[in-house]
Amino acid sequence: MTDPYRVLGIPQNASDEDIKKAYRNLSRKYHPDANINNPNKDQAEARFKEVQQAYQQIMQERENQDSDTYGGFGNFRGFNAQYQYTGTNGGETEEDLHMKAASNF
């Protein structure tokens, strides 16, 4: 696939709102229902599919960048999901902490 930003006609540093606007405009323009009587409807449909793929690719890339920036769901800002409680927190046991957490729920 060619550059998805080029397909949508936007710069790579475009905001999410600008990306959505470009996507919506091009989707309306090339949508098969809008080109029923168009003699070039096959080309319009191909372009419509290309616009769809470009938008999906950009959004996936941005979603992956966001999760990488924040460490993903299981590793949010450096908190490792494999963290083990060592019992050295003021003499509290792991069970004490679970009870406190349950009472706060």
PDB file of N, CA and C in Angstrom:
ATOM      1  N   MET A   1       0.839  -1.183   0.000  1.00  0.00           N
ATOM      2  CA  MET A   1       0.000   0.000   0.000  1.00  0.00           C
ATOM      3  C   MET A   1       0.882   1.243   0.000  1.00  0.00           C
ATOM      4  N   THR A   2       0.409   2.262  -0.656  1.00  0.00           N
ATOM      5  CA  THR A   2       1.134   3.523  -0.657  1.00  0.00           C
ATOM      6  C   THR A   2       1.008   4.181   0.715  1.00  0.00           C
ATOM      7  N   ASP A   3       1.627   5.308   0.864  1.00  0.00           N
ATOM      8  CA  ASP A   3       1.601   6.041   2.126  1.00  0.00           C
ATOM      9  C   ASP A   3       0.156   6.386   2.494  1.00  0.00           C
ATOM     10  N   PRO A   4      -0.336   5.921   3.656  1.00  0.00           N
ATOM     11  CA  PRO A   4      -1.733   6.164   4.010  1.00  0.00           C
ATOM     12  C   PRO A   4      -2.047   7.645   4.205  1.00  0.00           C
ATOM     13  N   TYR A   5      -1.065   8.420   4.636  1.00  0.00           N
ATOM     14  CA  TYR A   5      -1.282   9.856   4.809  1.00  0.00           C
ATOM     15  C   TYR A   5      -1.471  10.525   3.448  1.00  0.00           C
ATOM     16  N   ARG A   6      -0.721  10.046   2.462  1.00  0.00           N
ATOM     17  CA  ARG A   6      -0.863  10.585   1.108  1.00  0.00           C
ATOM     18  C   ARG A   6      -2.231  10.233   0.531  1.00  0.00           C
ATOM     19  N   VAL A   7      -2.706   9.014   0.806  1.00  0.00           N
ATOM     20  CA  VAL A   7      -4.026   8.585   0.326  1.00  0.00           C
ATOM     21  C   VAL A   7      -5.111   9.524   0.860  1.00  0.00           C
ATOM     22  N   LEU A   8      -4.997   9.900   2.137  1.00  0.00           N
ATOM     23  CA  LEU A   8      -5.987  10.794   2.730  1.00  0.00           C
ATOM     24  C   LEU A   8      -5.697  12.267   2.449  1.00  0.00           C
ATOM     25  N   GLY A   9      -4.525  12.556   1.901  1.00  0.00           N
ATOM     26  CA  GLY A   9      -4.181  13.934   1.557  1.00  0.00           C
ATOM     27  C   GLY A   9      -3.888  14.802   2.761  1.00  0.00           C
ATOM     28  N   ILE A  10      -3.244  14.223   3.767  1.00  0.00           N
ATOM     29  CA  ILE A  10      -2.933  14.949   5.002  1.00  0.00           C
ATOM     30  C   ILE A  10      -1.465  14.751   5.366  1.00  0.00           C
ATOM     31  N   PRO A  11      -0.899  15.680   6.154  1.00  0.00           N
ATOM     32  CA  PRO A  11       0.489  15.498   6.599  1.00  0.00           C
ATOM     33  C   PRO A  11       0.563  14.455   7.716  1.00  0.00           C
ATOM     34  N   GLN A  12       1.743  13.906   7.942  1.00  0.00           N
ATOM     35  CA  GLN A  12       1.908  12.877   8.967  1.00  0.00           C
ATOM     36  C   GLN A  12       1.686  13.412  10.378  1.00  0.00           C
ATOM     37  N   ASN A  13       1.827  14.695  10.558  1.00  0.00           N
ATOM     38  CA  ASN A  13       1.621  15.272  11.884  1.00  0.00           C
ATOM     39  C   ASN A  13       0.204  15.816  12.056  1.00  0.00           C
ATOM     40  N   ALA A  14      -0.717  15.375  11.214  1.00  0.00           N
ATOM     41  CA  ALA A  14      -2.112  15.824  11.296  1.00  0.00           C
ATOM     42  C   ALA A  14      -2.735  15.344  12.600  1.00  0.00           C
ATOM     43  N   SER A  15      -3.644  16.146  13.123  1.00  0.00           N
ATOM     44  CA  SER A  15      -4.340  15.773  14.351  1.00  0.00           C
ATOM     45  C   SER A  15      -5.347  14.668  14.052  1.00  0.00           C
ATOM     46  N   ASP A  16      -5.792  14.000  15.099  1.00  0.00           N
ATOM     47  CA  ASP A  16      -6.802  12.958  14.928  1.00  0.00           C
ATOM     48  C   ASP A  16      -8.059  13.525  14.291  1.00  0.00           C
ATOM     49  N   GLU A  17      -8.418  14.741  14.665  1.00  0.00           N
ATOM     50  CA  GLU A  17      -9.615  15.380  14.105  1.00  0.00           C
ATOM     51  C   GLU A  17      -9.442  15.639  12.604  1.00  0.00           C
ATOM     52  N   ASP A  18      -8.258  16.088  12.188  1.00  0.00           N
ATOM     53  CA  ASP A  18      -7.999  16.313  10.761  1.00  0.00           C
ATOM     54  C   ASP A  18      -8.032  15.002   9.973  1.00  0.00           C
ATOM     55  N   ILE A  19      -7.536  13.954  10.578  1.00  0.00           N
ATOM     56  CA  ILE A  19      -7.553  12.640   9.929  1.00  0.00           C
ATOM     57  C   ILE A  19      -8.991  12.190   9.720  1.00  0.00           C
ATOM     58  N   LYS A  20      -9.815  12.343  10.745  1.00  0.00           N
ATOM     59  CA  LYS A  20     -11.216  11.934  10.643  1.00  0.00           C
ATOM     60  C   LYS A  20     -11.958  12.757   9.598  1.00  0.00           C
ATOM     61  N   LYS A  21     -11.683  14.063   9.549  1.00  0.00           N
ATOM     62  CA  LYS A  21     -12.344  14.920   8.553  1.00  0.00           C
ATOM     63  C   LYS A  21     -11.990  14.481   7.135  1.00  0.00           C
ATOM     64  N   ALA A  22     -10.704  14.253   6.893  1.00  0.00           N
ATOM     65  CA  ALA A  22     -10.264  13.823   5.563  1.00  0.00           C
ATOM     66  C   ALA A  22     -10.883  12.484   5.206  1.00  0.00           C
ATOM     67  N   TYR A  23     -10.906  11.579   6.158  1.00  0.00           N
ATOM     68  CA  TYR A  23     -11.491  10.256   5.931  1.00  0.00           C
ATOM     69  C   TYR A  23     -12.972  10.366   5.589  1.00  0.00           C
ATOM     70  N   ARG A  24     -13.705  11.150   6.355  1.00  0.00           N
ATOM     71  CA  ARG A  24     -15.144  11.293   6.103  1.00  0.00           C
ATOM     72  C   ARG A  24     -15.420  11.912   4.742  1.00  0.00           C
ATOM     73  N   ASN A  25     -14.681  12.956   4.411  1.00  0.00           N
ATOM     74  CA  ASN A  25     -14.886  13.617   3.118  1.00  0.00           C
ATOM     75  C   ASN A  25     -14.622  12.670   1.948  1.00  0.00           C
ATOM     76  N   LEU A  26     -13.519  11.958   2.011  1.00  0.00           N
ATOM     77  CA  LEU A  26     -13.179  11.040   0.926  1.00  0.00           C
ATOM     78  C   LEU A  26     -14.122   9.842   0.885  1.00  0.00           C
ATOM     79  N   SER A  27     -14.554   9.385   2.039  1.00  0.00           N
ATOM     80  CA  SER A  27     -15.501   8.268   2.078  1.00  0.00           C
ATOM     81  C   SER A  27     -16.823   8.649   1.422  1.00  0.00           C
ATOM     82  N   ARG A  28     -17.285   9.852   1.726  1.00  0.00           N
ATOM     83  CA  ARG A  28     -18.528  10.314   1.089  1.00  0.00           C
ATOM     84  C   ARG A  28     -18.357  10.452  -0.413  1.00  0.00           C
ATOM     85  N   LYS A  29     -17.218  10.986  -0.810  1.00  0.00           N
ATOM     86  CA  LYS A  29     -16.972  11.238  -2.231  1.00  0.00           C
ATOM     87  C   LYS A  29     -16.909   9.942  -3.036  1.00  0.00           C
ATOM     88  N   TYR A  30     -16.250   8.928  -2.489  1.00  0.00           N
ATOM     89  CA  TYR A  30     -16.017   7.701  -3.248  1.00  0.00           C
ATOM     90  C   TYR A  30     -16.928   6.541  -2.846  1.00  0.00           C
ATOM     91  N   HIS A  31     -17.862   6.768  -1.952  1.00  0.00           N
ATOM     92  CA  HIS A  31     -18.756   5.696  -1.504  1.00  0.00           C
ATOM     93  C   HIS A  31     -19.534   5.128  -2.696  1.00  0.00           C
ATOM     94  N   PRO A  32     -19.662   3.804  -2.779  1.00  0.00           N
ATOM     95  CA  PRO A  32     -20.375   3.197  -3.914  1.00  0.00           C
ATOM     96  C   PRO A  32     -21.801   3.715  -4.087  1.00  0.00           C
ATOM     97  N   ASP A  33     -22.494   4.001  -3.002  1.00  0.00           N
ATOM     98  CA  ASP A  33     -23.865   4.521  -3.113  1.00  0.00           C
ATOM     99  C   ASP A  33     -23.904   5.908  -3.730  1.00  0.00           C
ATOM    100  N   ALA A  34     -22.829   6.670  -3.581  1.00  0.00           N
ATOM    101  CA  ALA A  34     -22.775   8.018  -4.149  1.00  0.00           C
ATOM    102  C   ALA A  34     -22.349   7.999  -5.609  1.00  0.00           C
ATOM    103  N   ASN A  35     -21.938   6.845  -6.102  1.00  0.00           N
ATOM    104  CA  ASN A  35     -21.424   6.743  -7.467  1.00  0.00           C
ATOM    105  C   ASN A  35     -22.187   5.719  -8.309  1.00  0.00           C
ATOM    106  N   ILE A  36     -23.449   5.539  -8.009  1.00  0.00           N
ATOM    107  CA  ILE A  36     -24.253   4.541  -8.728  1.00  0.00           C
ATOM    108  C   ILE A  36     -24.317   4.836 -10.221  1.00  0.00           C
ATOM    109  N   ASN A  37     -24.542   6.082 -10.573  1.00  0.00           N
ATOM    110  CA  ASN A  37     -24.673   6.455 -11.983  1.00  0.00           C
ATOM    111  C   ASN A  37     -23.366   6.930 -12.604  1.00  0.00           C
ATOM    112  N   ASN A  38     -22.289   6.836 -11.874  1.00  0.00           N
ATOM    113  CA  ASN A  38     -20.978   7.260 -12.350  1.00  0.00           C
ATOM    114  C   ASN A  38     -20.418   6.184 -13.287  1.00  0.00           C
ATOM    115  N   PRO A  39     -20.015   6.575 -14.500  1.00  0.00           N
ATOM    116  CA  PRO A  39     -19.439   5.572 -15.409  1.00  0.00           C
ATOM    117  C   PRO A  39     -18.120   4.995 -14.873  1.00  0.00           C
ATOM    118  N   ASN A  40     -17.468   5.706 -13.966  1.00  0.00           N
ATOM    119  CA  ASN A  40     -16.210   5.235 -13.370  1.00  0.00           C
ATOM    120  C   ASN A  40     -16.434   4.681 -11.966  1.00  0.00           C
ATOM    121  N   LYS A  41     -17.599   4.070 -11.739  1.00  0.00           N
ATOM    122  CA  LYS A  41     -17.928   3.617 -10.387  1.00  0.00           C
ATOM    123  C   LYS A  41     -16.966   2.537  -9.882  1.00  0.00           C
ATOM    124  N   ASP A  42     -16.378   1.745 -10.778  1.00  0.00           N
ATOM    125  CA  ASP A  42     -15.416   0.731 -10.345  1.00  0.00           C
ATOM    126  C   ASP A  42     -14.159   1.380  -9.763  1.00  0.00           C
ATOM    127  N   GLN A  43     -13.697   2.446 -10.408  1.00  0.00           N
ATOM    128  CA  GLN A  43     -12.529   3.164  -9.886  1.00  0.00           C
ATOM    129  C   GLN A  43     -12.872   3.858  -8.570  1.00  0.00           C
ATOM    130  N   ALA A  44     -14.082   4.395  -8.478  1.00  0.00           N
ATOM    131  CA  ALA A  44     -14.501   5.049  -7.236  1.00  0.00           C
ATOM    132  C   ALA A  44     -14.558   4.042  -6.091  1.00  0.00           C
ATOM    133  N   GLU A  45     -15.062   2.846  -6.378  1.00  0.00           N
ATOM    134  CA  GLU A  45     -15.132   1.824  -5.338  1.00  0.00           C
ATOM    135  C   GLU A  45     -13.735   1.391  -4.904  1.00  0.00           C
ATOM    136  N   ALA A  46     -12.817   1.271  -5.858  1.00  0.00           N
ATOM    137  CA  ALA A  46     -11.436   0.908  -5.517  1.00  0.00           C
ATOM    138  C   ALA A  46     -10.799   1.998  -4.653  1.00  0.00           C
ATOM    139  N   ARG A  47     -11.068   3.230  -5.002  1.00  0.00           N
ATOM    140  CA  ARG A  47     -10.543   4.357  -4.217  1.00  0.00           C
ATOM    141  C   ARG A  47     -11.164   4.372  -2.824  1.00  0.00           C
ATOM    142  N   PHE A  48     -12.454   4.070  -2.740  1.00  0.00           N
ATOM    143  CA  PHE A  48     -13.144   3.997  -1.458  1.00  0.00           C
ATOM    144  C   PHE A  48     -12.472   2.963  -0.551  1.00  0.00           C
ATOM    145  N   LYS A  49     -12.158   1.798  -1.091  1.00  0.00           N
ATOM    146  CA  LYS A  49     -11.495   0.743  -0.320  1.00  0.00           C
ATOM    147  C   LYS A  49     -10.100   1.176   0.120  1.00  0.00           C
ATOM    148  N   GLU A  50      -9.407   1.886  -0.765  1.00  0.00           N
ATOM    149  CA  GLU A  50      -8.069   2.382  -0.443  1.00  0.00           C
ATOM    150  C   GLU A  50      -8.135   3.388   0.717  1.00  0.00           C
ATOM    151  N   VAL A  51      -9.134   4.261   0.691  1.00  0.00           N
ATOM    152  CA  VAL A  51      -9.326   5.246   1.760  1.00  0.00           C
ATOM    153  C   VAL A  51      -9.613   4.527   3.080  1.00  0.00           C
ATOM    154  N   GLN A  52     -10.458   3.502   3.029  1.00  0.00           N
ATOM    155  CA  GLN A  52     -10.786   2.725   4.232  1.00  0.00           C
ATOM    156  C   GLN A  52      -9.520   2.096   4.828  1.00  0.00           C
ATOM    157  N   GLN A  53      -8.714   1.485   3.990  1.00  0.00           N
ATOM    158  CA  GLN A  53      -7.496   0.825   4.451  1.00  0.00           C
ATOM    159  C   GLN A  53      -6.502   1.829   5.024  1.00  0.00           C
ATOM    160  N   ALA A  54      -6.380   2.974   4.372  1.00  0.00           N
ATOM    161  CA  ALA A  54      -5.446   3.998   4.845  1.00  0.00           C
ATOM    162  C   ALA A  54      -5.855   4.492   6.228  1.00  0.00           C
ATOM    163  N   TYR A  55      -7.132   4.761   6.404  1.00  0.00           N
ATOM    164  CA  TYR A  55      -7.623   5.245   7.699  1.00  0.00           C
ATOM    165  C   TYR A  55      -7.381   4.199   8.787  1.00  0.00           C
ATOM    166  N   GLN A  56      -7.693   2.947   8.499  1.00  0.00           N
ATOM    167  CA  GLN A  56      -7.484   1.880   9.479  1.00  0.00           C
ATOM    168  C   GLN A  56      -6.013   1.745   9.845  1.00  0.00           C
ATOM    169  N   GLN A  57      -5.139   1.847   8.850  1.00  0.00           N
ATOM    170  CA  GLN A  57      -3.710   1.719   9.102  1.00  0.00           C
ATOM    171  C   GLN A  57      -3.212   2.854   9.998  1.00  0.00           C
ATOM    172  N   ILE A  58      -3.633   4.073   9.694  1.00  0.00           N
ATOM    173  CA  ILE A  58      -3.208   5.221  10.499  1.00  0.00           C
ATOM    174  C   ILE A  58      -3.698   5.086  11.931  1.00  0.00           C
ATOM    175  N   MET A  59      -4.954   4.714  12.099  1.00  0.00           N
ATOM    176  CA  MET A  59      -5.504   4.599  13.443  1.00  0.00           C
ATOM    177  C   MET A  59      -4.835   3.472  14.228  1.00  0.00           C
ATOM    178  N   GLN A  60      -4.516   2.360  13.571  1.00  0.00           N
ATOM    179  CA  GLN A  60      -3.809   1.272  14.248  1.00  0.00           C
ATOM    180  C   GLN A  60      -2.410   1.711  14.663  1.00  0.00           C
ATOM    181  N   GLU A  61      -1.719   2.428  13.788  1.00  0.00           N
ATOM    182  CA  GLU A  61      -0.378   2.903  14.113  1.00  0.00           C
ATOM    183  C   GLU A  61      -0.421   3.847  15.308  1.00  0.00           C
ATOM    184  N   ARG A  62      -1.379   4.746  15.308  1.00  0.00           N
ATOM    185  CA  ARG A  62      -1.493   5.697  16.418  1.00  0.00           C
ATOM    186  C   ARG A  62      -1.892   4.996  17.706  1.00  0.00           C
ATOM    187  N   GLU A  63      -2.743   4.007  17.624  1.00  0.00           N
ATOM    188  CA  GLU A  63      -3.134   3.253  18.810  1.00  0.00           C
ATOM    189  C   GLU A  63      -1.930   2.510  19.379  1.00  0.00           C
ATOM    190  N   ASN A  64      -1.133   1.926  18.496  1.00  0.00           N
ATOM    191  CA  ASN A  64       0.072   1.224  18.943  1.00  0.00           C
ATOM    192  C   ASN A  64       1.080   2.185  19.538  1.00  0.00           C
ATOM    193  N   GLN A  65       1.210   3.376  18.980  1.00  0.00           N
ATOM    194  CA  GLN A  65       2.121   4.374  19.532  1.00  0.00           C
ATOM    195  C   GLN A  65       1.675   4.776  20.921  1.00  0.00           C
ATOM    196  N   ASP A  66       0.377   4.964  21.112  1.00  0.00           N
ATOM    197  CA  ASP A  66      -0.140   5.352  22.424  1.00  0.00           C
ATOM    198  C   ASP A  66       0.120   4.267  23.455  1.00  0.00           C
ATOM    199  N   SER A  67      -0.117   3.005  23.097  1.00  0.00           N
ATOM    200  CA  SER A  67       0.098   1.934  24.062  1.00  0.00           C
ATOM    201  C   SER A  67       1.580   1.750  24.338  1.00  0.00           C
ATOM    202  N   ASP A  68       2.442   1.999  23.354  1.00  0.00           N
ATOM    203  CA  ASP A  68       3.877   1.917  23.580  1.00  0.00           C
ATOM    204  C   ASP A  68       4.334   3.037  24.502  1.00  0.00           C
ATOM    205  N   THR A  69       3.753   4.216  24.338  1.00  0.00           N
ATOM    206  CA  THR A  69       4.132   5.369  25.151  1.00  0.00           C
ATOM    207  C   THR A  69       3.805   5.128  26.614  1.00  0.00           C
ATOM    208  N   TYR A  70       2.656   4.534  26.872  1.00  0.00           N
ATOM    209  CA  TYR A  70       2.221   4.337  28.243  1.00  0.00           C
ATOM    210  C   TYR A  70       2.490   2.934  28.753  1.00  0.00           C
ATOM    211  N   GLY A  71       3.174   2.131  27.969  1.00  0.00           N
ATOM    212  CA  GLY A  71       3.544   0.807  28.413  1.00  0.00           C
ATOM    213  C   GLY A  71       2.469  -0.246  28.227  1.00  0.00           C
ATOM    214  N   GLY A  72       1.409   0.067  27.567  1.00  0.00           N
ATOM    215  CA  GLY A  72       0.348  -0.903  27.350  1.00  0.00           C
ATOM    216  C   GLY A  72      -0.500  -1.113  28.578  1.00  0.00           C
ATOM    217  N   PHE A  73      -1.557  -1.849  28.429  1.00  0.00           N
ATOM    218  CA  PHE A  73      -2.495  -2.059  29.528  1.00  0.00           C
ATOM    219  C   PHE A  73      -1.865  -2.847  30.666  1.00  0.00           C
ATOM    220  N   GLY A  74      -1.143  -3.905  30.342  1.00  0.00           N
ATOM    221  CA  GLY A  74      -0.571  -4.753  31.379  1.00  0.00           C
ATOM    222  C   GLY A  74       0.691  -4.201  31.995  1.00  0.00           C
ATOM    223  N   ASN A  75       1.229  -3.144  31.449  1.00  0.00           N
ATOM    224  CA  ASN A  75       2.469  -2.588  31.956  1.00  0.00           C
ATOM    225  C   ASN A  75       2.350  -1.064  31.986  1.00  0.00           C
ATOM    226  N   PHE A  76       1.316  -0.578  32.619  1.00  0.00           N
ATOM    227  CA  PHE A  76       1.002   0.848  32.608  1.00  0.00           C
ATOM    228  C   PHE A  76       2.072   1.655  33.332  1.00  0.00           C
ATOM    229  N   ARG A  77       2.699   2.539  32.614  1.00  0.00           N
ATOM    230  CA  ARG A  77       3.727   3.439  33.137  1.00  0.00           C
ATOM    231  C   ARG A  77       4.752   2.727  34.029  1.00  0.00           C
ATOM    232  N   GLY A  78       5.221   1.629  33.508  1.00  0.00           N
ATOM    233  CA  GLY A  78       6.303   0.953  34.200  1.00  0.00           C
ATOM    234  C   GLY A  78       5.862  -0.039  35.266  1.00  0.00           C
ATOM    235  N   PHE A  79       4.583  -0.116  35.606  1.00  0.00           N
ATOM    236  CA  PHE A  79       4.133  -1.098  36.595  1.00  0.00           C
ATOM    237  C   PHE A  79       4.047  -2.447  35.913  1.00  0.00           C
ATOM    238  N   ASN A  80       4.867  -3.340  36.328  1.00  0.00           N
ATOM    239  CA  ASN A  80       4.918  -4.655  35.706  1.00  0.00           C
ATOM    240  C   ASN A  80       3.845  -5.551  36.316  1.00  0.00           C
ATOM    241  N   ALA A  81       3.038  -6.181  35.480  1.00  0.00           N
ATOM    242  CA  ALA A  81       1.957  -7.041  35.949  1.00  0.00           C
ATOM    243  C   ALA A  81       2.487  -8.254  36.705  1.00  0.00           C
ATOM    244  N   GLN A  82       3.769  -8.541  36.591  1.00  0.00           N
ATOM    245  CA  GLN A  82       4.345  -9.679  37.293  1.00  0.00           C
ATOM    246  C   GLN A  82       4.892  -9.281  38.659  1.00  0.00           C
ATOM    247  N   TYR A  83       4.580  -8.100  39.131  1.00  0.00           N
ATOM    248  CA  TYR A  83       5.049  -7.602  40.415  1.00  0.00           C
ATOM    249  C   TYR A  83       4.631  -8.556  41.529  1.00  0.00           C
ATOM    250  N   GLN A  84       5.560  -8.891  42.371  1.00  0.00           N
ATOM    251  CA  GLN A  84       5.281  -9.785  43.490  1.00  0.00           C
ATOM    252  C   GLN A  84       5.404  -8.993  44.791  1.00  0.00           C
ATOM    253  N   TYR A  85       4.432  -9.137  45.667  1.00  0.00           N
ATOM    254  CA  TYR A  85       4.482  -8.480  46.974  1.00  0.00           C
ATOM    255  C   TYR A  85       5.482  -9.207  47.858  1.00  0.00           C
ATOM    256  N   THR A  86       6.373  -8.456  48.498  1.00  0.00           N
ATOM    257  CA  THR A  86       7.426  -9.080  49.296  1.00  0.00           C
ATOM    258  C   THR A  86       7.104  -9.085  50.780  1.00  0.00           C
ATOM    259  N   GLY A  87       6.053  -8.426  51.203  1.00  0.00           N
ATOM    260  CA  GLY A  87       5.676  -8.432  52.604  1.00  0.00           C
ATOM    261  C   GLY A  87       6.487  -7.476  53.449  1.00  0.00           C
ATOM    262  N   THR A  88       7.201  -6.554  52.842  1.00  0.00           N
ATOM    263  CA  THR A  88       8.041  -5.636  53.594  1.00  0.00           C
ATOM    264  C   THR A  88       7.396  -4.274  53.769  1.00  0.00           C
ATOM    265  N   ASN A  89       6.110  -4.152  53.532  1.00  0.00           N
ATOM    266  CA  ASN A  89       5.419  -2.870  53.604  1.00  0.00           C
ATOM    267  C   ASN A  89       4.851  -2.671  55.002  1.00  0.00           C
ATOM    268  N   GLY A  90       5.682  -2.260  55.953  1.00  0.00           N
ATOM    269  CA  GLY A  90       5.214  -1.957  57.297  1.00  0.00           C
ATOM    270  C   GLY A  90       4.696  -3.173  58.040  1.00  0.00           C
ATOM    271  N   GLY A  91       5.175  -4.344  57.722  1.00  0.00           N
ATOM    272  CA  GLY A  91       4.765  -5.552  58.414  1.00  0.00           C
ATOM    273  C   GLY A  91       3.456  -6.126  57.928  1.00  0.00           C
ATOM    274  N   GLU A  92       2.814  -5.509  56.926  1.00  0.00           N
ATOM    275  CA  GLU A  92       1.553  -6.032  56.414  1.00  0.00           C
ATOM    276  C   GLU A  92       1.822  -7.246  55.526  1.00  0.00           C
ATOM    277  N   THR A  93       0.959  -8.204  55.649  1.00  0.00           N
ATOM    278  CA  THR A  93       1.073  -9.364  54.776  1.00  0.00           C
ATOM    279  C   THR A  93       0.285  -9.095  53.497  1.00  0.00           C
ATOM    280  N   GLU A  94       0.465  -9.982  52.557  1.00  0.00           N
ATOM    281  CA  GLU A  94      -0.277  -9.849  51.302  1.00  0.00           C
ATOM    282  C   GLU A  94      -1.775  -9.970  51.566  1.00  0.00           C
ATOM    283  N   GLU A  95      -2.146 -10.841  52.493  1.00  0.00           N
ATOM    284  CA  GLU A  95      -3.560 -11.005  52.831  1.00  0.00           C
ATOM    285  C   GLU A  95      -4.133  -9.723  53.439  1.00  0.00           C
ATOM    286  N   ASP A  96      -3.336  -9.023  54.279  1.00  0.00           N
ATOM    287  CA  ASP A  96      -3.776  -7.751  54.852  1.00  0.00           C
ATOM    288  C   ASP A  96      -4.070  -6.725  53.752  1.00  0.00           C
ATOM    289  N   LEU A  97      -3.196  -6.680  52.778  1.00  0.00           N
ATOM    290  CA  LEU A  97      -3.396  -5.741  51.673  1.00  0.00           C
ATOM    291  C   LEU A  97      -4.636  -6.090  50.858  1.00  0.00           C
ATOM    292  N   HIS A  98      -4.869  -7.382  50.647  1.00  0.00           N
ATOM    293  CA  HIS A  98      -6.062  -7.804  49.916  1.00  0.00           C
ATOM    294  C   HIS A  98      -7.330  -7.411  50.678  1.00  0.00           C
ATOM    295  N   MET A  99      -7.305  -7.560  51.998  1.00  0.00           N
ATOM    296  CA  MET A  99      -8.457  -7.203  52.823  1.00  0.00           C
ATOM    297  C   MET A  99      -8.707  -5.700  52.761  1.00  0.00           C
ATOM    298  N   LYS A 100      -7.646  -4.902  52.827  1.00  0.00           N
ATOM    299  CA  LYS A 100      -7.776  -3.444  52.717  1.00  0.00           C
ATOM    300  C   LYS A 100      -8.367  -3.065  51.345  1.00  0.00           C
ATOM    301  N   ALA A 101      -7.846  -3.702  50.312  1.00  0.00           N
ATOM    302  CA  ALA A 101      -8.338  -3.402  48.967  1.00  0.00           C
ATOM    303  C   ALA A 101      -9.797  -3.786  48.826  1.00  0.00           C
ATOM    304  N   ALA A 102     -10.182  -4.923  49.395  1.00  0.00           N
ATOM    305  CA  ALA A 102     -11.584  -5.359  49.314  1.00  0.00           C
ATOM    306  C   ALA A 102     -12.497  -4.411  50.087  1.00  0.00           C
ATOM    307  N   SER A 103     -12.020  -3.915  51.224  1.00  0.00           N
ATOM    308  CA  SER A 103     -12.864  -3.004  52.010  1.00  0.00           C
ATOM    309  C   SER A 103     -13.010  -1.648  51.324  1.00  0.00           C
ATOM    310  N   ASN A 104     -12.055  -1.282  50.517  1.00  0.00           N
ATOM    311  CA  ASN A 104     -12.128  -0.009  49.788  1.00  0.00           C
ATOM    312  C   ASN A 104     -12.964  -0.128  48.513  1.00  0.00           C
ATOM    313  N   PHE A 105     -13.206  -1.348  48.105  1.00  0.00           N
ATOM    314  CA  PHE A 105     -13.986  -1.568  46.877  1.00  0.00           C
ATOM    315  C   PHE A 105     -15.400  -1.214  47.140  1.00  0.00           C
TER     316      PHE A 105
END
